[in-house]
Amino acid sequence: MKVVQDQTMTEREKFTNLVRESHAELLVYARSLTREDTNSRDIVQDSFVVAWNNMNKFEVTRDFGSWMRGIIRNKWREYLRKDKRQVTVEDDVLESLEVVMRDWQSMRDDGGPSVFIKLEQCMSKLPESLMKAVKCFYYDGHSTDEAADELSIGGATLRKRLQRARASLRDCIKVTN
């Protein structure tokens, strides 16, 4: 009985490490699907429970992040069936999002700092006006109109600042790779 407990604990530790490594990325992925924080956190949490209960079906040769994103997509679809007010996303859009997530994951797996650490480093290099626009829109989750009002600028100005910020961040992250 002791051997089984030790083996289970080892599996639990392995799973815990996988969860720690992928949690932030999976939240980003779920957030991109739901466009809302609370439900995305719930979906990720529920997905981890499903993954734990099905770890015997996980093939170690397969990528854990990709497997988890599949579970998250299924959980999200369940959520959509329950809440008819949510807008569905086409399969081709989901596939392109999967490609982007694999790219982000590969940046993380290259052994350097995580893409989120790189992003924070690059954020600190942005001009203040662009940084405020990014934080208000992406970090605080304001709509375009709300963020523009908060920053006392027009909606078109906000969109242009966000466009410039995304381009700067993308270039900065590529350079730090």
C-alpha atoms as a PDB file:
ATOM      1  CA  MET A   1       0.000   0.000   0.000  1.00  0.00           C
ATOM      2  CA  LYS A   2       2.871   2.369   0.762  1.00  0.00           C
ATOM      3  CA  VAL A   3       4.301   1.984  -2.762  1.00  0.00           C
ATOM      4  CA  VAL A   4       0.953   2.935  -4.330  1.00  0.00           C
ATOM      5  CA  GLN A   5       0.739   6.035  -2.138  1.00  0.00           C
ATOM      6  CA  ASP A   6       4.271   7.100  -3.077  1.00  0.00           C
ATOM      7  CA  GLN A   7       3.551   6.565  -6.774  1.00  0.00           C
ATOM      8  CA  THR A   8       0.285   8.534  -6.515  1.00  0.00           C
ATOM      9  CA  MET A   9       2.105  11.329  -4.747  1.00  0.00           C
ATOM     10  CA  THR A  10       4.717  11.370  -7.481  1.00  0.00           C
ATOM     11  CA  GLU A  11       1.986  11.597 -10.129  1.00  0.00           C
ATOM     12  CA  ARG A  12       0.339  14.374  -8.127  1.00  0.00           C
ATOM     13  CA  GLU A  13       3.627  16.258  -7.931  1.00  0.00           C
ATOM     14  CA  LYS A  14       4.170  15.870 -11.669  1.00  0.00           C
ATOM     15  CA  PHE A  15       0.677  17.151 -12.364  1.00  0.00           C
ATOM     16  CA  THR A  16       1.163  20.051  -9.953  1.00  0.00           C
ATOM     17  CA  ASN A  17       4.336  21.065 -11.788  1.00  0.00           C
ATOM     18  CA  LEU A  18       2.554  20.913 -15.151  1.00  0.00           C
ATOM     19  CA  VAL A  19      -0.250  23.054 -13.746  1.00  0.00           C
ATOM     20  CA  ARG A  20       2.205  25.643 -12.396  1.00  0.00           C
ATOM     21  CA  GLU A  21       4.063  25.817 -15.702  1.00  0.00           C
ATOM     22  CA  SER A  22       0.981  26.199 -17.867  1.00  0.00           C
ATOM     23  CA  HIS A  23      -1.568  27.982 -15.664  1.00  0.00           C
ATOM     24  CA  ALA A  24      -0.910  31.563 -16.812  1.00  0.00           C
ATOM     25  CA  GLU A  25      -0.898  30.629 -20.495  1.00  0.00           C
ATOM     26  CA  LEU A  26      -4.096  28.625 -20.131  1.00  0.00           C
ATOM     27  CA  LEU A  27      -5.798  31.564 -18.417  1.00  0.00           C
ATOM     28  CA  VAL A  28      -4.796  33.776 -21.331  1.00  0.00           C
ATOM     29  CA  TYR A  29      -6.189  31.201 -23.740  1.00  0.00           C
ATOM     30  CA  ALA A  30      -9.478  30.850 -21.851  1.00  0.00           C
ATOM     31  CA  ARG A  31      -9.751  34.627 -21.543  1.00  0.00           C
ATOM     32  CA  SER A  32      -9.364  34.945 -25.312  1.00  0.00           C
ATOM     33  CA  LEU A  33     -12.334  32.594 -25.705  1.00  0.00           C
ATOM     34  CA  THR A  34     -14.649  33.981 -23.035  1.00  0.00           C
ATOM     35  CA  ARG A  35     -13.580  37.653 -23.148  1.00  0.00           C
ATOM     36  CA  GLU A  36     -14.271  37.677 -19.402  1.00  0.00           C
ATOM     37  CA  ASP A  37     -12.143  36.932 -16.326  1.00  0.00           C
ATOM     38  CA  THR A  38     -14.452  35.059 -13.954  1.00  0.00           C
ATOM     39  CA  ASN A  39     -15.718  32.504 -16.447  1.00  0.00           C
ATOM     40  CA  SER A  40     -12.250  31.989 -17.907  1.00  0.00           C
ATOM     41  CA  ARG A  41     -10.881  31.188 -14.441  1.00  0.00           C
ATOM     42  CA  ASP A  42     -13.765  28.793 -13.791  1.00  0.00           C
ATOM     43  CA  ILE A  43     -13.246  27.066 -17.133  1.00  0.00           C
ATOM     44  CA  VAL A  44      -9.505  26.633 -16.504  1.00  0.00           C
ATOM     45  CA  GLN A  45     -10.156  25.297 -13.003  1.00  0.00           C
ATOM     46  CA  ASP A  46     -12.772  22.848 -14.281  1.00  0.00           C
ATOM     47  CA  SER A  47     -10.370  21.804 -17.050  1.00  0.00           C
ATOM     48  CA  PHE A  48      -7.633  21.008 -14.546  1.00  0.00           C
ATOM     49  CA  VAL A  49     -10.079  18.803 -12.648  1.00  0.00           C
ATOM     50  CA  VAL A  50     -10.975  16.982 -15.879  1.00  0.00           C
ATOM     51  CA  ALA A  51      -7.281  16.624 -16.726  1.00  0.00           C
ATOM     52  CA  TRP A  52      -6.453  15.210 -13.289  1.00  0.00           C
ATOM     53  CA  ASN A  53      -9.302  12.716 -13.537  1.00  0.00           C
ATOM     54  CA  ASN A  54      -8.108  11.674 -17.010  1.00  0.00           C
ATOM     55  CA  MET A  55      -4.330  11.698 -16.550  1.00  0.00           C
ATOM     56  CA  ASN A  56      -4.290   7.991 -17.363  1.00  0.00           C
ATOM     57  CA  LYS A  57      -5.453   8.935 -20.882  1.00  0.00           C
ATOM     58  CA  PHE A  58      -2.737  11.558 -21.374  1.00  0.00           C
ATOM     59  CA  GLU A  59       0.025  10.396 -23.691  1.00  0.00           C
ATOM     60  CA  VAL A  60       3.384  11.584 -22.383  1.00  0.00           C
ATOM     61  CA  THR A  61       4.621  12.050 -25.947  1.00  0.00           C
ATOM     62  CA  ARG A  62       1.908  14.660 -26.439  1.00  0.00           C
ATOM     63  CA  ASP A  63       2.186  18.305 -25.429  1.00  0.00           C
ATOM     64  CA  PHE A  64       0.432  18.998 -22.102  1.00  0.00           C
ATOM     65  CA  GLY A  65      -0.491  22.577 -23.054  1.00  0.00           C
ATOM     66  CA  SER A  66      -2.100  21.466 -26.295  1.00  0.00           C
ATOM     67  CA  TRP A  67      -4.033  18.721 -24.483  1.00  0.00           C
ATOM     68  CA  MET A  68      -5.219  21.219 -21.869  1.00  0.00           C
ATOM     69  CA  ARG A  69      -6.304  23.737 -24.502  1.00  0.00           C
ATOM     70  CA  GLY A  70      -8.448  21.002 -26.048  1.00  0.00           C
ATOM     71  CA  ILE A  71     -10.090  20.382 -22.679  1.00  0.00           C
ATOM     72  CA  ILE A  72     -10.580  24.131 -22.208  1.00  0.00           C
ATOM     73  CA  ARG A  73     -12.214  24.396 -25.655  1.00  0.00           C
ATOM     74  CA  ASN A  74     -14.610  21.597 -24.715  1.00  0.00           C
ATOM     75  CA  LYS A  75     -15.413  23.226 -21.361  1.00  0.00           C
ATOM     76  CA  TRP A  76     -15.951  26.530 -23.126  1.00  0.00           C
ATOM     77  CA  ARG A  77     -18.353  24.896 -25.581  1.00  0.00           C
ATOM     78  CA  GLU A  78     -20.267  23.449 -22.608  1.00  0.00           C
ATOM     79  CA  TYR A  79     -20.400  26.948 -21.166  1.00  0.00           C
ATOM     80  CA  LEU A  80     -21.728  28.322 -24.477  1.00  0.00           C
ATOM     81  CA  ARG A  81     -24.504  25.731 -24.556  1.00  0.00           C
ATOM     82  CA  LYS A  82     -25.578  26.813 -21.079  1.00  0.00           C
ATOM     83  CA  ASP A  83     -25.309  30.572 -21.713  1.00  0.00           C
ATOM     84  CA  LYS A  84     -26.949  31.377 -25.033  1.00  0.00           C
ATOM     85  CA  ARG A  85     -25.933  35.059 -24.772  1.00  0.00           C
ATOM     86  CA  GLN A  86     -22.304  34.204 -25.516  1.00  0.00           C
ATOM     87  CA  VAL A  87     -21.033  34.515 -29.068  1.00  0.00           C
ATOM     88  CA  THR A  88     -19.517  31.391 -30.594  1.00  0.00           C
ATOM     89  CA  VAL A  89     -16.194  31.396 -32.396  1.00  0.00           C
ATOM     90  CA  GLU A  90     -15.686  29.570 -35.676  1.00  0.00           C
ATOM     91  CA  ASP A  91     -13.398  26.523 -35.789  1.00  0.00           C
ATOM     92  CA  ASP A  92     -10.897  28.220 -38.121  1.00  0.00           C
ATOM     93  CA  VAL A  93     -10.515  31.063 -35.613  1.00  0.00           C
ATOM     94  CA  LEU A  94      -9.978  28.525 -32.830  1.00  0.00           C
ATOM     95  CA  GLU A  95      -7.335  26.773 -34.916  1.00  0.00           C
ATOM     96  CA  SER A  96      -5.469  30.010 -35.593  1.00  0.00           C
ATOM     97  CA  LEU A  97      -5.616  30.788 -31.877  1.00  0.00           C
ATOM     98  CA  GLU A  98      -4.151  27.345 -31.180  1.00  0.00           C
ATOM     99  CA  VAL A  99      -1.257  28.123 -33.546  1.00  0.00           C
ATOM    100  CA  VAL A 100      -0.585  31.403 -31.724  1.00  0.00           C
ATOM    101  CA  MET A 101      -0.667  29.640 -28.356  1.00  0.00           C
ATOM    102  CA  ARG A 102       1.806  27.010 -29.598  1.00  0.00           C
ATOM    103  CA  ASP A 103       4.136  29.827 -30.687  1.00  0.00           C
ATOM    104  CA  TRP A 104       3.894  31.448 -27.262  1.00  0.00           C
ATOM    105  CA  GLN A 105       4.476  28.107 -25.614  1.00  0.00           C
ATOM    106  CA  SER A 106       7.554  27.449 -27.740  1.00  0.00           C
ATOM    107  CA  MET A 107       8.972  30.810 -26.634  1.00  0.00           C
ATOM    108  CA  ARG A 108       8.484  29.687 -23.050  1.00  0.00           C
ATOM    109  CA  ASP A 109      10.058  26.300 -23.692  1.00  0.00           C
ATOM    110  CA  ASP A 110      13.200  27.793 -25.250  1.00  0.00           C
ATOM    111  CA  GLY A 111      14.743  27.965 -21.783  1.00  0.00           C
ATOM    112  CA  GLY A 112      14.770  31.741 -21.480  1.00  0.00           C
ATOM    113  CA  PRO A 113      12.509  33.827 -19.288  1.00  0.00           C
ATOM    114  CA  SER A 114       8.811  33.229 -19.759  1.00  0.00           C
ATOM    115  CA  VAL A 115       7.018  35.222 -22.398  1.00  0.00           C
ATOM    116  CA  PHE A 116       5.121  36.985 -19.623  1.00  0.00           C
ATOM    117  CA  ILE A 117       8.350  38.163 -18.008  1.00  0.00           C
ATOM    118  CA  LYS A 118       9.551  39.326 -21.437  1.00  0.00           C
ATOM    119  CA  LEU A 119       6.249  41.102 -21.955  1.00  0.00           C
ATOM    120  CA  GLU A 120       6.574  42.943 -18.642  1.00  0.00           C
ATOM    121  CA  GLN A 121      10.146  43.940 -19.493  1.00  0.00           C
ATOM    122  CA  CYS A 122       9.003  45.234 -22.877  1.00  0.00           C
ATOM    123  CA  MET A 123       6.025  47.028 -21.312  1.00  0.00           C
ATOM    124  CA  SER A 124       8.400  49.025 -19.138  1.00  0.00           C
ATOM    125  CA  LYS A 125      10.122  50.290 -22.321  1.00  0.00           C
ATOM    126  CA  LEU A 126       6.916  51.692 -23.842  1.00  0.00           C
ATOM    127  CA  PRO A 127       6.248  55.438 -23.779  1.00  0.00           C
ATOM    128  CA  GLU A 128       3.922  56.315 -20.916  1.00  0.00           C
ATOM    129  CA  SER A 129       0.956  57.114 -23.183  1.00  0.00           C
ATOM    130  CA  LEU A 130       1.146  53.683 -24.820  1.00  0.00           C
ATOM    131  CA  MET A 131       1.703  51.896 -21.508  1.00  0.00           C
ATOM    132  CA  LYS A 132      -1.361  53.569 -19.967  1.00  0.00           C
ATOM    133  CA  ALA A 133      -3.484  52.616 -22.976  1.00  0.00           C
ATOM    134  CA  VAL A 134      -2.380  48.964 -22.749  1.00  0.00           C
ATOM    135  CA  LYS A 135      -2.953  48.769 -19.005  1.00  0.00           C
ATOM    136  CA  CYS A 136      -6.356  50.423 -19.154  1.00  0.00           C
ATOM    137  CA  PHE A 137      -7.623  48.307 -22.054  1.00  0.00           C
ATOM    138  CA  TYR A 138      -5.938  44.921 -21.532  1.00  0.00           C
ATOM    139  CA  TYR A 139      -5.042  44.759 -17.854  1.00  0.00           C
ATOM    140  CA  ASP A 140      -8.090  46.560 -16.450  1.00  0.00           C
ATOM    141  CA  GLY A 141     -10.425  45.089 -19.066  1.00  0.00           C
ATOM    142  CA  HIS A 142     -12.139  48.340 -20.030  1.00  0.00           C
ATOM    143  CA  SER A 143     -13.983  48.610 -23.311  1.00  0.00           C
ATOM    144  CA  THR A 144     -12.592  50.981 -25.932  1.00  0.00           C
ATOM    145  CA  ASP A 145     -15.025  53.713 -24.905  1.00  0.00           C
ATOM    146  CA  GLU A 146     -14.373  53.237 -21.181  1.00  0.00           C
ATOM    147  CA  ALA A 147     -10.602  53.252 -21.635  1.00  0.00           C
ATOM    148  CA  ALA A 148     -10.736  56.332 -23.868  1.00  0.00           C
ATOM    149  CA  ASP A 149     -12.871  58.155 -21.277  1.00  0.00           C
ATOM    150  CA  GLU A 150     -10.546  57.128 -18.458  1.00  0.00           C
ATOM    151  CA  LEU A 151      -7.519  58.382 -20.385  1.00  0.00           C
ATOM    152  CA  SER A 152      -9.383  61.499 -21.592  1.00  0.00           C
ATOM    153  CA  ILE A 153      -8.698  60.750 -25.252  1.00  0.00           C
ATOM    154  CA  GLY A 154     -10.838  59.853 -28.251  1.00  0.00           C
ATOM    155  CA  GLY A 155     -11.609  56.277 -29.226  1.00  0.00           C
ATOM    156  CA  ALA A 156      -9.623  56.567 -32.468  1.00  0.00           C
ATOM    157  CA  THR A 157      -6.615  57.848 -30.529  1.00  0.00           C
ATOM    158  CA  LEU A 158      -6.854  54.931 -28.115  1.00  0.00           C
ATOM    159  CA  ARG A 159      -7.057  52.394 -30.932  1.00  0.00           C
ATOM    160  CA  LYS A 160      -4.009  53.927 -32.624  1.00  0.00           C
ATOM    161  CA  ARG A 161      -2.037  53.845 -29.346  1.00  0.00           C
ATOM    162  CA  LEU A 162      -2.970  50.208 -28.825  1.00  0.00           C
ATOM    163  CA  GLN A 163      -1.915  49.404 -32.391  1.00  0.00           C
ATOM    164  CA  ARG A 164       1.457  51.089 -31.839  1.00  0.00           C
ATOM    165  CA  ALA A 165       1.894  49.416 -28.466  1.00  0.00           C
ATOM    166  CA  ARG A 166       1.167  45.941 -29.881  1.00  0.00           C
ATOM    167  CA  ALA A 167       3.660  46.497 -32.701  1.00  0.00           C
ATOM    168  CA  SER A 168       6.323  47.727 -30.255  1.00  0.00           C
ATOM    169  CA  LEU A 169       5.716  44.844 -27.860  1.00  0.00           C
ATOM    170  CA  ARG A 170       5.802  42.273 -30.664  1.00  0.00           C
ATOM    171  CA  ASP A 171       9.105  43.681 -31.965  1.00  0.00           C
ATOM    172  CA  CYS A 172      10.582  43.867 -28.465  1.00  0.00           C
ATOM    173  CA  ILE A 173       9.650  40.276 -27.631  1.00  0.00           C
ATOM    174  CA  LYS A 174      11.148  39.046 -30.913  1.00  0.00           C
ATOM    175  CA  VAL A 175      14.402  40.861 -30.122  1.00  0.00           C
ATOM    176  CA  THR A 176      14.602  39.380 -26.605  1.00  0.00           C
ATOM    177  CA  ASN A 177      14.143  35.817 -27.919  1.00  0.00           C
END
